[in-house]
Amino acid sequence: MANMFDLMIETTPNINPALASRWQSLRPSFVPEPTPEEHADLERRADEHSSGLFDEIYLNT
């Protein structure tokens, strides 16, 4: 949903500057930045997922 608002703000030519500013101040509460621990966990899970996909590809060729 946050991405939808980002897109509307970015692509609407005559957007009210107050509305755009308000969204930018509210956005972090909708999509908080991950903590370093969360970020590391996401990277680890992505690596594991990628590794598993490559293993499957190589086993099925």
C-alpha atoms as a PDB file:
ATOM      1  CA  MET A   1       0.000   0.000   0.000  1.00  0.00           C
ATOM      2  CA  ALA A   2       2.865   2.371   0.791  1.00  0.00           C
ATOM      3  CA  ASN A   3       4.284   1.766  -2.675  1.00  0.00           C
ATOM      4  CA  MET A   4       0.955   2.755  -4.196  1.00  0.00           C
ATOM      5  CA  PHE A   5       1.081   6.108  -2.393  1.00  0.00           C
ATOM      6  CA  ASP A   6       4.721   6.559  -3.414  1.00  0.00           C
ATOM      7  CA  LEU A   7       3.743   6.017  -7.029  1.00  0.00           C
ATOM      8  CA  MET A   8       0.828   8.445  -6.815  1.00  0.00           C
ATOM      9  CA  ILE A   9       3.029  11.136  -5.258  1.00  0.00           C
ATOM     10  CA  GLU A  10       5.775  10.618  -7.857  1.00  0.00           C
ATOM     11  CA  THR A  11       3.549  10.496 -10.948  1.00  0.00           C
ATOM     12  CA  THR A  12       0.848  13.069 -10.219  1.00  0.00           C
ATOM     13  CA  PRO A  13       1.936  16.297 -11.912  1.00  0.00           C
ATOM     14  CA  ASN A  14      -0.080  18.744  -9.801  1.00  0.00           C
ATOM     15  CA  ILE A  15       0.201  17.041  -6.423  1.00  0.00           C
ATOM     16  CA  ASN A  16      -0.405  19.259  -3.425  1.00  0.00           C
ATOM     17  CA  PRO A  17       3.056  19.850  -1.872  1.00  0.00           C
ATOM     18  CA  ALA A  18       1.560  19.720   1.635  1.00  0.00           C
ATOM     19  CA  LEU A  19       0.116  16.270   0.903  1.00  0.00           C
ATOM     20  CA  ALA A  20       3.422  15.019  -0.493  1.00  0.00           C
ATOM     21  CA  SER A  21       5.292  16.364   2.527  1.00  0.00           C
ATOM     22  CA  ARG A  22       2.791  14.804   4.929  1.00  0.00           C
ATOM     23  CA  TRP A  23       3.113  11.412   3.224  1.00  0.00           C
ATOM     24  CA  GLN A  24       6.911  11.555   3.433  1.00  0.00           C
ATOM     25  CA  SER A  25       6.675  12.220   7.177  1.00  0.00           C
ATOM     26  CA  LEU A  26       4.140   9.398   7.706  1.00  0.00           C
ATOM     27  CA  ARG A  27       5.752   6.806   5.414  1.00  0.00           C
ATOM     28  CA  PRO A  28       8.247   5.440   7.977  1.00  0.00           C
ATOM     29  CA  SER A  29       5.361   4.407  10.226  1.00  0.00           C
ATOM     30  CA  PHE A  30       3.920   2.322   7.347  1.00  0.00           C
ATOM     31  CA  VAL A  31       7.210   0.848   6.132  1.00  0.00           C
ATOM     32  CA  PRO A  32       9.762   1.032   8.926  1.00  0.00           C
ATOM     33  CA  GLU A  33      13.428   0.623   8.106  1.00  0.00           C
ATOM     34  CA  PRO A  34      14.651  -2.825   9.163  1.00  0.00           C
ATOM     35  CA  THR A  35      16.974  -3.058  12.116  1.00  0.00           C
ATOM     36  CA  PRO A  36      20.509  -4.319  11.375  1.00  0.00           C
ATOM     37  CA  GLU A  37      19.491  -7.712  12.797  1.00  0.00           C
ATOM     38  CA  GLU A  38      16.379  -7.873  10.591  1.00  0.00           C
ATOM     39  CA  HIS A  39      18.408  -6.831   7.560  1.00  0.00           C
ATOM     40  CA  ALA A  40      21.032  -9.526   8.241  1.00  0.00           C
ATOM     41  CA  ASP A  41      18.270 -12.119   8.677  1.00  0.00           C
ATOM     42  CA  LEU A  42      16.640 -11.101   5.380  1.00  0.00           C
ATOM     43  CA  GLU A  43      19.977 -11.375   3.571  1.00  0.00           C
ATOM     44  CA  ARG A  44      20.677 -14.774   5.124  1.00  0.00           C
ATOM     45  CA  ARG A  45      17.242 -16.088   4.129  1.00  0.00           C
ATOM     46  CA  ALA A  46      17.619 -14.718   0.587  1.00  0.00           C
ATOM     47  CA  ASP A  47      21.012 -16.430   0.260  1.00  0.00           C
ATOM     48  CA  GLU A  48      19.565 -19.714   1.499  1.00  0.00           C
ATOM     49  CA  HIS A  49      16.632 -19.433  -0.887  1.00  0.00           C
ATOM     50  CA  SER A  50      18.907 -18.653  -3.842  1.00  0.00           C
ATOM     51  CA  SER A  51      21.215 -21.512  -2.921  1.00  0.00           C
ATOM     52  CA  GLY A  52      18.264 -23.892  -2.768  1.00  0.00           C
ATOM     53  CA  LEU A  53      16.999 -22.764  -6.157  1.00  0.00           C
ATOM     54  CA  PHE A  54      20.411 -23.256  -7.769  1.00  0.00           C
ATOM     55  CA  ASP A  55      20.703 -26.709  -6.177  1.00  0.00           C
ATOM     56  CA  GLU A  56      17.344 -27.663  -7.677  1.00  0.00           C
ATOM     57  CA  ILE A  57      18.307 -26.322 -11.095  1.00  0.00           C
ATOM     58  CA  TYR A  58      21.567 -28.257 -11.131  1.00  0.00           C
ATOM     59  CA  LEU A  59      19.901 -31.460  -9.921  1.00  0.00           C
ATOM     60  CA  ASN A  60      17.205 -31.223 -12.602  1.00  0.00           C
ATOM     61  CA  THR A  61      19.524 -30.669 -15.577  1.00  0.00           C
END
